[in-house]
């Protein structure tokens, strides 16, 4: 979410920009029913991957991430620890 750098210096992102990110964990119950279970706000400068350990804490859940959270080494550890997840791969990742 973009913010005014003049009023939000604590959220400085670039030389002339400020912003924050909202990392949201949603629970999907049944068709058409979902609710937010956990929310964490960070500055836009912080990388999404840093939120994996905070957002992923229940082995009975299936987690779905966008590409901003990709960290193959962490995904390997998570899989070894019994967590389930789904994420889009980086482009050309299948060719490695």
PDB file of N, CA and C in Angstrom:
ATOM      1  N   UNK A   1       0.842  -1.151   0.000  1.00  0.00           N
ATOM      2  CA  UNK A   1       0.000   0.000   0.000  1.00  0.00           C
ATOM      3  C   UNK A   1       0.901   1.231   0.000  1.00  0.00           C
ATOM      4  N   UNK A   2       0.791   2.070  -0.980  1.00  0.00           N
ATOM      5  CA  UNK A   2       1.643   3.262  -1.026  1.00  0.00           C
ATOM      6  C   UNK A   2       1.242   4.276   0.045  1.00  0.00           C
ATOM      7  N   UNK A   3       2.253   4.934   0.588  1.00  0.00           N
ATOM      8  CA  UNK A   3       2.045   5.969   1.595  1.00  0.00           C
ATOM      9  C   UNK A   3       2.839   7.208   1.221  1.00  0.00           C
ATOM     10  N   UNK A   4       2.474   8.316   1.791  1.00  0.00           N
ATOM     11  CA  UNK A   4       3.212   9.558   1.586  1.00  0.00           C
ATOM     12  C   UNK A   4       4.507   9.501   2.390  1.00  0.00           C
ATOM     13  N   UNK A   5       5.633   9.677   1.725  1.00  0.00           N
ATOM     14  CA  UNK A   5       6.918   9.658   2.408  1.00  0.00           C
ATOM     15  C   UNK A   5       7.028  10.809   3.404  1.00  0.00           C
ATOM     16  N   UNK A   6       6.423  11.926   3.097  1.00  0.00           N
ATOM     17  CA  UNK A   6       6.459  13.085   3.992  1.00  0.00           C
ATOM     18  C   UNK A   6       5.845  12.751   5.349  1.00  0.00           C
ATOM     19  N   UNK A   7       4.734  12.044   5.348  1.00  0.00           N
ATOM     20  CA  UNK A   7       4.025  11.728   6.589  1.00  0.00           C
ATOM     21  C   UNK A   7       4.394  10.378   7.198  1.00  0.00           C
ATOM     22  N   UNK A   8       5.080   9.531   6.446  1.00  0.00           N
ATOM     23  CA  UNK A   8       5.360   8.174   6.909  1.00  0.00           C
ATOM     24  C   UNK A   8       6.825   7.804   6.665  1.00  0.00           C
ATOM     25  N   UNK A   9       7.730   8.578   7.202  1.00  0.00           N
ATOM     26  CA  UNK A   9       9.167   8.317   7.002  1.00  0.00           C
ATOM     27  C   UNK A   9       9.580   6.931   7.507  1.00  0.00           C
ATOM     28  N   UNK A  10       8.888   6.419   8.511  1.00  0.00           N
ATOM     29  CA  UNK A  10       9.205   5.108   9.073  1.00  0.00           C
ATOM     30  C   UNK A  10       9.008   3.987   8.053  1.00  0.00           C
ATOM     31  N   UNK A  11       8.233   4.259   6.997  1.00  0.00           N
ATOM     32  CA  UNK A  11       7.932   3.240   5.984  1.00  0.00           C
ATOM     33  C   UNK A  11       8.666   3.521   4.671  1.00  0.00           C
ATOM     34  N   UNK A  12       9.813   4.218   4.741  1.00  0.00           N
ATOM     35  CA  UNK A  12      10.550   4.558   3.526  1.00  0.00           C
ATOM     36  C   UNK A  12      10.877   3.298   2.731  1.00  0.00           C
ATOM     37  N   UNK A  13      10.590   3.364   1.443  1.00  0.00           N
ATOM     38  CA  UNK A  13      10.769   2.218   0.556  1.00  0.00           C
ATOM     39  C   UNK A  13      11.818   2.529  -0.500  1.00  0.00           C
ATOM     40  N   UNK A  14      11.699   3.675  -1.105  1.00  0.00           N
ATOM     41  CA  UNK A  14      12.664   4.150  -2.097  1.00  0.00           C
ATOM     42  C   UNK A  14      12.953   5.599  -1.796  1.00  0.00           C
ATOM     43  N   UNK A  15      13.750   6.181  -2.618  1.00  0.00           N
ATOM     44  CA  UNK A  15      14.175   7.565  -2.378  1.00  0.00           C
ATOM     45  C   UNK A  15      12.998   8.525  -2.192  1.00  0.00           C
ATOM     46  N   UNK A  16      11.942   8.321  -2.965  1.00  0.00           N
ATOM     47  CA  UNK A  16      10.795   9.239  -2.895  1.00  0.00           C
ATOM     48  C   UNK A  16       9.483   8.539  -2.548  1.00  0.00           C
ATOM     49  N   UNK A  17       9.561   7.285  -2.071  1.00  0.00           N
ATOM     50  CA  UNK A  17       8.330   6.523  -1.819  1.00  0.00           C
ATOM     51  C   UNK A  17       8.346   5.891  -0.433  1.00  0.00           C
ATOM     52  N   UNK A  18       7.157   5.703   0.098  1.00  0.00           N
ATOM     53  CA  UNK A  18       6.964   4.950   1.332  1.00  0.00           C
ATOM     54  C   UNK A  18       5.833   3.958   1.095  1.00  0.00           C
ATOM     55  N   UNK A  19       5.808   2.895   1.893  1.00  0.00           N
ATOM     56  CA  UNK A  19       4.735   1.932   1.730  1.00  0.00           C
ATOM     57  C   UNK A  19       4.784   0.840   2.777  1.00  0.00           C
ATOM     58  N   UNK A  20       3.690   0.125   2.891  1.00  0.00           N
ATOM     59  CA  UNK A  20       3.591  -1.011   3.797  1.00  0.00           C
ATOM     60  C   UNK A  20       2.991  -2.200   3.049  1.00  0.00           C
ATOM     61  N   UNK A  21       3.218  -3.386   3.607  1.00  0.00           N
ATOM     62  CA  UNK A  21       2.622  -4.615   3.079  1.00  0.00           C
ATOM     63  C   UNK A  21       1.774  -5.227   4.188  1.00  0.00           C
ATOM     64  N   UNK A  22       0.697  -5.851   3.791  1.00  0.00           N
ATOM     65  CA  UNK A  22      -0.135  -6.591   4.723  1.00  0.00           C
ATOM     66  C   UNK A  22      -0.060  -8.060   4.332  1.00  0.00           C
ATOM     67  N   UNK A  23       0.535  -8.861   5.195  1.00  0.00           N
ATOM     68  CA  UNK A  23       0.615 -10.305   4.994  1.00  0.00           C
ATOM     69  C   UNK A  23      -0.591 -10.889   5.718  1.00  0.00           C
ATOM     70  N   UNK A  24      -1.435 -11.573   4.970  1.00  0.00           N
ATOM     71  CA  UNK A  24      -2.714 -12.017   5.514  1.00  0.00           C
ATOM     72  C   UNK A  24      -2.859 -13.524   5.365  1.00  0.00           C
ATOM     73  N   UNK A  25      -3.234 -14.159   6.438  1.00  0.00           N
ATOM     74  CA  UNK A  25      -3.516 -15.592   6.391  1.00  0.00           C
ATOM     75  C   UNK A  25      -5.029 -15.765   6.471  1.00  0.00           C
ATOM     76  N   UNK A  26      -5.583 -16.369   5.435  1.00  0.00           N
ATOM     77  CA  UNK A  26      -7.028 -16.604   5.363  1.00  0.00           C
ATOM     78  C   UNK A  26      -7.333 -18.073   5.623  1.00  0.00           C
ATOM     79  N   UNK A  27      -8.448 -18.314   6.242  1.00  0.00           N
ATOM     80  CA  UNK A  27      -8.937 -19.673   6.448  1.00  0.00           C
ATOM     81  C   UNK A  27     -10.145 -19.858   5.541  1.00  0.00           C
ATOM     82  N   UNK A  28     -10.102 -20.905   4.719  1.00  0.00           N
ATOM     83  CA  UNK A  28     -11.223 -21.251   3.844  1.00  0.00           C
ATOM     84  C   UNK A  28     -11.920 -22.460   4.441  1.00  0.00           C
ATOM     85  N   UNK A  29     -13.166 -22.276   4.807  1.00  0.00           N
ATOM     86  CA  UNK A  29     -13.915 -23.336   5.482  1.00  0.00           C
ATOM     87  C   UNK A  29     -14.680 -24.206   4.485  1.00  0.00           C
ATOM     88  N   UNK A  30     -15.677 -23.655   3.895  1.00  0.00           N
ATOM     89  CA  UNK A  30     -16.478 -24.368   2.917  1.00  0.00           C
ATOM     90  C   UNK A  30     -16.735 -23.399   1.772  1.00  0.00           C
ATOM     91  N   UNK A  31     -17.368 -23.860   0.759  1.00  0.00           N
ATOM     92  CA  UNK A  31     -17.603 -23.021  -0.418  1.00  0.00           C
ATOM     93  C   UNK A  31     -18.190 -21.665  -0.021  1.00  0.00           C
ATOM     94  N   UNK A  32     -17.458 -20.612  -0.348  1.00  0.00           N
ATOM     95  CA  UNK A  32     -17.928 -19.257  -0.099  1.00  0.00           C
ATOM     96  C   UNK A  32     -17.689 -18.724   1.312  1.00  0.00           C
ATOM     97  N   UNK A  33     -17.074 -19.520   2.176  1.00  0.00           N
ATOM     98  CA  UNK A  33     -16.851 -19.079   3.549  1.00  0.00           C
ATOM     99  C   UNK A  33     -15.354 -19.006   3.838  1.00  0.00           C
ATOM    100  N   UNK A  34     -14.883 -17.826   4.143  1.00  0.00           N
ATOM    101  CA  UNK A  34     -13.491 -17.642   4.540  1.00  0.00           C
ATOM    102  C   UNK A  34     -13.416 -16.491   5.534  1.00  0.00           C
ATOM    103  N   UNK A  35     -12.337 -16.465   6.305  1.00  0.00           N
ATOM    104  CA  UNK A  35     -12.135 -15.369   7.242  1.00  0.00           C
ATOM    105  C   UNK A  35     -10.640 -15.159   7.480  1.00  0.00           C
ATOM    106  N   UNK A  36     -10.233 -13.922   7.791  1.00  0.00           N
ATOM    107  CA  UNK A  36      -8.821 -13.671   8.087  1.00  0.00           C
ATOM    108  C   UNK A  36      -8.483 -14.197   9.481  1.00  0.00           C
ATOM    109  N   UNK A  37      -7.394 -14.931   9.574  1.00  0.00           N
ATOM    110  CA  UNK A  37      -6.995 -15.509  10.851  1.00  0.00           C
ATOM    111  C   UNK A  37      -5.783 -14.802  11.447  1.00  0.00           C
ATOM    112  N   UNK A  38      -4.909 -14.304  10.592  1.00  0.00           N
ATOM    113  CA  UNK A  38      -3.687 -13.664  11.068  1.00  0.00           C
ATOM    114  C   UNK A  38      -3.295 -12.583  10.081  1.00  0.00           C
ATOM    115  N   UNK A  39      -2.838 -11.456  10.604  1.00  0.00           N
ATOM    116  CA  UNK A  39      -2.377 -10.363   9.754  1.00  0.00           C
ATOM    117  C   UNK A  39      -1.100  -9.780  10.350  1.00  0.00           C
ATOM    118  N   UNK A  40      -0.131  -9.528   9.490  1.00  0.00           N
ATOM    119  CA  UNK A  40       1.131  -8.925   9.902  1.00  0.00           C
ATOM    120  C   UNK A  40       1.435  -7.789   8.937  1.00  0.00           C
ATOM    121  N   UNK A  41       1.742  -6.634   9.474  1.00  0.00           N
ATOM    122  CA  UNK A  41       2.101  -5.473   8.645  1.00  0.00           C
ATOM    123  C   UNK A  41       3.609  -5.286   8.700  1.00  0.00           C
ATOM    124  N   UNK A  42       4.214  -5.074   7.530  1.00  0.00           N
ATOM    125  CA  UNK A  42       5.638  -4.772   7.442  1.00  0.00           C
ATOM    126  C   UNK A  42       5.828  -3.570   6.527  1.00  0.00           C
ATOM    127  N   UNK A  43       7.011  -3.014   6.543  1.00  0.00           N
ATOM    128  CA  UNK A  43       7.308  -1.965   5.576  1.00  0.00           C
ATOM    129  C   UNK A  43       7.454  -2.613   4.209  1.00  0.00           C
ATOM    130  N   UNK A  44       7.241  -1.846   3.170  1.00  0.00           N
ATOM    131  CA  UNK A  44       7.321  -2.377   1.806  1.00  0.00           C
ATOM    132  C   UNK A  44       8.735  -2.832   1.467  1.00  0.00           C
ATOM    133  N   UNK A  45       9.710  -2.307   2.156  1.00  0.00           N
ATOM    134  CA  UNK A  45      11.107  -2.655   1.878  1.00  0.00           C
ATOM    135  C   UNK A  45      11.445  -4.083   2.309  1.00  0.00           C
ATOM    136  N   UNK A  46      10.763  -4.579   3.334  1.00  0.00           N
ATOM    137  CA  UNK A  46      11.027  -5.922   3.840  1.00  0.00           C
ATOM    138  C   UNK A  46      10.538  -6.963   2.835  1.00  0.00           C
ATOM    139  N   UNK A  47      11.349  -8.000   2.632  1.00  0.00           N
ATOM    140  CA  UNK A  47      10.984  -9.039   1.670  1.00  0.00           C
ATOM    141  C   UNK A  47       9.926  -9.962   2.257  1.00  0.00           C
ATOM    142  N   UNK A  48       9.033 -10.461   1.416  1.00  0.00           N
ATOM    143  CA  UNK A  48       7.939 -11.342   1.845  1.00  0.00           C
ATOM    144  C   UNK A  48       8.444 -12.627   2.492  1.00  0.00           C
ATOM    145  N   UNK A  49       9.563 -13.156   1.989  1.00  0.00           N
ATOM    146  CA  UNK A  49      10.079 -14.432   2.515  1.00  0.00           C
ATOM    147  C   UNK A  49      10.301 -14.404   4.018  1.00  0.00           C
ATOM    148  N   UNK A  50      10.592 -13.222   4.565  1.00  0.00           N
ATOM    149  CA  UNK A  50      10.824 -13.109   6.001  1.00  0.00           C
ATOM    150  C   UNK A  50       9.602 -13.420   6.842  1.00  0.00           C
ATOM    151  N   UNK A  51       8.449 -13.508   6.240  1.00  0.00           N
ATOM    152  CA  UNK A  51       7.206 -13.770   6.972  1.00  0.00           C
ATOM    153  C   UNK A  51       6.818 -15.247   6.994  1.00  0.00           C
ATOM    154  N   UNK A  52       7.573 -16.093   6.293  1.00  0.00           N
ATOM    155  CA  UNK A  52       7.192 -17.506   6.224  1.00  0.00           C
ATOM    156  C   UNK A  52       7.090 -18.153   7.601  1.00  0.00           C
ATOM    157  N   UNK A  53       8.110 -17.991   8.442  1.00  0.00           N
ATOM    158  CA  UNK A  53       8.085 -18.625   9.762  1.00  0.00           C
ATOM    159  C   UNK A  53       6.979 -18.056  10.650  1.00  0.00           C
ATOM    160  N   UNK A  54       6.595 -16.819  10.416  1.00  0.00           N
ATOM    161  CA  UNK A  54       5.553 -16.191  11.218  1.00  0.00           C
ATOM    162  C   UNK A  54       4.171 -16.679  10.788  1.00  0.00           C
ATOM    163  N   UNK A  55       3.968 -16.808   9.489  1.00  0.00           N
ATOM    164  CA  UNK A  55       2.647 -17.168   8.977  1.00  0.00           C
ATOM    165  C   UNK A  55       2.390 -18.679   8.956  1.00  0.00           C
ATOM    166  N   UNK A  56       3.429 -19.478   8.867  1.00  0.00           N
ATOM    167  CA  UNK A  56       3.278 -20.933   8.749  1.00  0.00           C
ATOM    168  C   UNK A  56       3.581 -21.570  10.096  1.00  0.00           C
ATOM    169  N   UNK A  57       2.543 -22.057  10.781  1.00  0.00           N
ATOM    170  CA  UNK A  57       2.774 -22.629  12.105  1.00  0.00           C
ATOM    171  C   UNK A  57       1.832 -23.784  12.452  1.00  0.00           C
ATOM    172  N   UNK A  58       1.090 -24.287  11.476  1.00  0.00           N
ATOM    173  CA  UNK A  58       0.147 -25.361  11.743  1.00  0.00           C
ATOM    174  C   UNK A  58       0.302 -26.439  10.671  1.00  0.00           C
ATOM    175  N   UNK A  59       0.743 -27.618  11.089  1.00  0.00           N
ATOM    176  CA  UNK A  59       0.991 -28.709  10.136  1.00  0.00           C
ATOM    177  C   UNK A  59      -0.283 -29.330   9.587  1.00  0.00           C
ATOM    178  N   UNK A  60      -1.425 -28.985  10.133  1.00  0.00           N
ATOM    179  CA  UNK A  60      -2.684 -29.539   9.650  1.00  0.00           C
ATOM    180  C   UNK A  60      -3.324 -28.663   8.581  1.00  0.00           C
ATOM    181  N   UNK A  61      -2.618 -27.640   8.139  1.00  0.00           N
ATOM    182  CA  UNK A  61      -3.143 -26.708   7.137  1.00  0.00           C
ATOM    183  C   UNK A  61      -2.414 -26.874   5.814  1.00  0.00           C
ATOM    184  N   UNK A  62      -3.027 -26.383   4.770  1.00  0.00           N
ATOM    185  CA  UNK A  62      -2.393 -26.286   3.454  1.00  0.00           C
ATOM    186  C   UNK A  62      -2.206 -24.806   3.195  1.00  0.00           C
ATOM    187  N   UNK A  63      -0.970 -24.382   2.948  1.00  0.00           N
ATOM    188  CA  UNK A  63      -0.652 -22.977   2.722  1.00  0.00           C
ATOM    189  C   UNK A  63      -0.486 -22.710   1.233  1.00  0.00           C
ATOM    190  N   UNK A  64      -0.980 -21.572   0.795  1.00  0.00           N
ATOM    191  CA  UNK A  64      -0.869 -21.152  -0.596  1.00  0.00           C
ATOM    192  C   UNK A  64      -0.151 -19.814  -0.611  1.00  0.00           C
ATOM    193  N   UNK A  65       0.981 -19.738  -1.339  1.00  0.00           N
ATOM    194  CA  UNK A  65       1.803 -18.534  -1.397  1.00  0.00           C
ATOM    195  C   UNK A  65       1.872 -17.995  -2.811  1.00  0.00           C
ATOM    196  N   UNK A  66       2.066 -16.697  -2.939  1.00  0.00           N
ATOM    197  CA  UNK A  66       2.405 -16.165  -4.251  1.00  0.00           C
ATOM    198  C   UNK A  66       3.927 -16.226  -4.398  1.00  0.00           C
ATOM    199  N   UNK A  67       4.433 -15.837  -5.540  1.00  0.00           N
ATOM    200  CA  UNK A  67       5.864 -15.984  -5.826  1.00  0.00           C
ATOM    201  C   UNK A  67       6.759 -15.127  -4.947  1.00  0.00           C
ATOM    202  N   UNK A  68       6.223 -14.103  -4.314  1.00  0.00           N
ATOM    203  CA  UNK A  68       7.041 -13.256  -3.444  1.00  0.00           C
ATOM    204  C   UNK A  68       7.602 -14.008  -2.248  1.00  0.00           C
ATOM    205  N   UNK A  69       6.984 -15.122  -1.893  1.00  0.00           N
ATOM    206  CA  UNK A  69       7.398 -15.899  -0.726  1.00  0.00           C
ATOM    207  C   UNK A  69       8.333 -17.056  -1.102  1.00  0.00           C
ATOM    208  N   UNK A  70       8.672 -17.188  -2.368  1.00  0.00           N
ATOM    209  CA  UNK A  70       9.475 -18.334  -2.808  1.00  0.00           C
ATOM    210  C   UNK A  70      10.843 -18.367  -2.134  1.00  0.00           C
ATOM    211  N   UNK A  71      11.136 -19.499  -1.555  1.00  0.00           N
ATOM    212  CA  UNK A  71      12.439 -19.775  -0.963  1.00  0.00           C
ATOM    213  C   UNK A  71      12.561 -21.295  -0.963  1.00  0.00           C
ATOM    214  N   UNK A  72      13.193 -21.837  -1.976  1.00  0.00           N
ATOM    215  CA  UNK A  72      13.215 -23.278  -2.173  1.00  0.00           C
ATOM    216  C   UNK A  72      13.875 -24.023  -1.010  1.00  0.00           C
ATOM    217  N   UNK A  73      14.916 -23.461  -0.426  1.00  0.00           N
ATOM    218  CA  UNK A  73      15.565 -24.120   0.715  1.00  0.00           C
ATOM    219  C   UNK A  73      14.607 -24.193   1.904  1.00  0.00           C
ATOM    220  N   UNK A  74      13.901 -23.109   2.172  1.00  0.00           N
ATOM    221  CA  UNK A  74      12.916 -23.121   3.261  1.00  0.00           C
ATOM    222  C   UNK A  74      11.770 -24.071   2.942  1.00  0.00           C
ATOM    223  N   UNK A  75      11.323 -24.095   1.690  1.00  0.00           N
ATOM    224  CA  UNK A  75      10.252 -25.011   1.297  1.00  0.00           C
ATOM    225  C   UNK A  75      10.685 -26.457   1.535  1.00  0.00           C
ATOM    226  N   UNK A  76      11.948 -26.780   1.234  1.00  0.00           N
ATOM    227  CA  UNK A  76      12.453 -28.132   1.500  1.00  0.00           C
ATOM    228  C   UNK A  76      12.396 -28.447   2.993  1.00  0.00           C
ATOM    229  N   UNK A  77      12.836 -27.518   3.826  1.00  0.00           N
ATOM    230  CA  UNK A  77      12.796 -27.732   5.273  1.00  0.00           C
ATOM    231  C   UNK A  77      11.355 -27.867   5.760  1.00  0.00           C
ATOM    232  N   UNK A  78      10.471 -27.017   5.237  1.00  0.00           N
ATOM    233  CA  UNK A  78       9.067 -27.083   5.632  1.00  0.00           C
ATOM    234  C   UNK A  78       8.463 -28.434   5.269  1.00  0.00           C
ATOM    235  N   UNK A  79       8.780 -28.925   4.071  1.00  0.00           N
ATOM    236  CA  UNK A  79       8.273 -30.227   3.639  1.00  0.00           C
ATOM    237  C   UNK A  79       8.809 -31.327   4.549  1.00  0.00           C
ATOM    238  N   UNK A  80      10.109 -31.272   4.858  1.00  0.00           N
ATOM    239  CA  UNK A  80      10.710 -32.257   5.765  1.00  0.00           C
ATOM    240  C   UNK A  80      10.074 -32.211   7.149  1.00  0.00           C
ATOM    241  N   UNK A  81       9.630 -31.026   7.574  1.00  0.00           N
ATOM    242  CA  UNK A  81       9.005 -30.857   8.890  1.00  0.00           C
ATOM    243  C   UNK A  81       7.515 -31.192   8.889  1.00  0.00           C
ATOM    244  N   UNK A  82       6.952 -31.549   7.726  1.00  0.00           N
ATOM    245  CA  UNK A  82       5.560 -31.985   7.666  1.00  0.00           C
ATOM    246  C   UNK A  82       4.542 -30.925   7.278  1.00  0.00           C
ATOM    247  N   UNK A  83       4.994 -29.774   6.757  1.00  0.00           N
ATOM    248  CA  UNK A  83       4.069 -28.740   6.310  1.00  0.00           C
ATOM    249  C   UNK A  83       3.689 -28.971   4.855  1.00  0.00           C
ATOM    250  N   UNK A  84       2.471 -28.576   4.492  1.00  0.00           N
ATOM    251  CA  UNK A  84       1.982 -28.702   3.126  1.00  0.00           C
ATOM    252  C   UNK A  84       1.747 -27.311   2.556  1.00  0.00           C
ATOM    253  N   UNK A  85       2.129 -27.120   1.309  1.00  0.00           N
ATOM    254  CA  UNK A  85       1.970 -25.803   0.701  1.00  0.00           C
ATOM    255  C   UNK A  85       1.875 -25.925  -0.805  1.00  0.00           C
ATOM    256  N   UNK A  86       1.428 -24.838  -1.417  1.00  0.00           N
ATOM    257  CA  UNK A  86       1.312 -24.721  -2.860  1.00  0.00           C
ATOM    258  C   UNK A  86       1.799 -23.335  -3.239  1.00  0.00           C
ATOM    259  N   UNK A  87       2.625 -23.251  -4.268  1.00  0.00           N
ATOM    260  CA  UNK A  87       3.104 -21.957  -4.732  1.00  0.00           C
ATOM    261  C   UNK A  87       3.429 -22.054  -6.212  1.00  0.00           C
ATOM    262  N   UNK A  88       3.296 -20.946  -6.894  1.00  0.00           N
ATOM    263  CA  UNK A  88       3.732 -20.917  -8.295  1.00  0.00           C
ATOM    264  C   UNK A  88       5.249 -20.883  -8.316  1.00  0.00           C
ATOM    265  N   UNK A  89       5.820 -21.561  -9.271  1.00  0.00           N
ATOM    266  CA  UNK A  89       7.272 -21.576  -9.417  1.00  0.00           C
ATOM    267  C   UNK A  89       7.746 -20.323 -10.130  1.00  0.00           C
ATOM    268  N   UNK A  90       9.007 -20.018  -9.942  1.00  0.00           N
ATOM    269  CA  UNK A  90       9.607 -18.932 -10.724  1.00  0.00           C
ATOM    270  C   UNK A  90       9.639 -19.393 -12.173  1.00  0.00           C
ATOM    271  N   UNK A  91       9.610 -18.429 -13.070  1.00  0.00           N
ATOM    272  CA  UNK A  91       9.724 -18.762 -14.490  1.00  0.00           C
ATOM    273  C   UNK A  91      11.069 -19.430 -14.700  1.00  0.00           C
ATOM    274  N   UNK A  92      11.106 -20.467 -15.517  1.00  0.00           N
ATOM    275  CA  UNK A  92      12.294 -21.244 -15.843  1.00  0.00           C
ATOM    276  C   UNK A  92      12.780 -22.100 -14.684  1.00  0.00           C
ATOM    277  N   UNK A  93      12.051 -22.189 -13.579  1.00  0.00           N
ATOM    278  CA  UNK A  93      12.479 -22.998 -12.444  1.00  0.00           C
ATOM    279  C   UNK A  93      12.472 -24.483 -12.820  1.00  0.00           C
ATOM    280  N   UNK A  94      11.561 -24.892 -13.667  1.00  0.00           N
ATOM    281  CA  UNK A  94      11.481 -26.298 -14.056  1.00  0.00           C
ATOM    282  C   UNK A  94      12.677 -26.722 -14.896  1.00  0.00           C
ATOM    283  N   UNK A  95      13.398 -25.777 -15.454  1.00  0.00           N
ATOM    284  CA  UNK A  95      14.529 -26.089 -16.326  1.00  0.00           C
ATOM    285  C   UNK A  95      15.829 -26.228 -15.532  1.00  0.00           C
ATOM    286  N   UNK A  96      15.810 -26.042 -14.223  1.00  0.00           N
ATOM    287  CA  UNK A  96      17.038 -26.142 -13.434  1.00  0.00           C
ATOM    288  C   UNK A  96      17.476 -27.555 -13.268  1.00  0.00           C
TER     289      UNK A  96
END
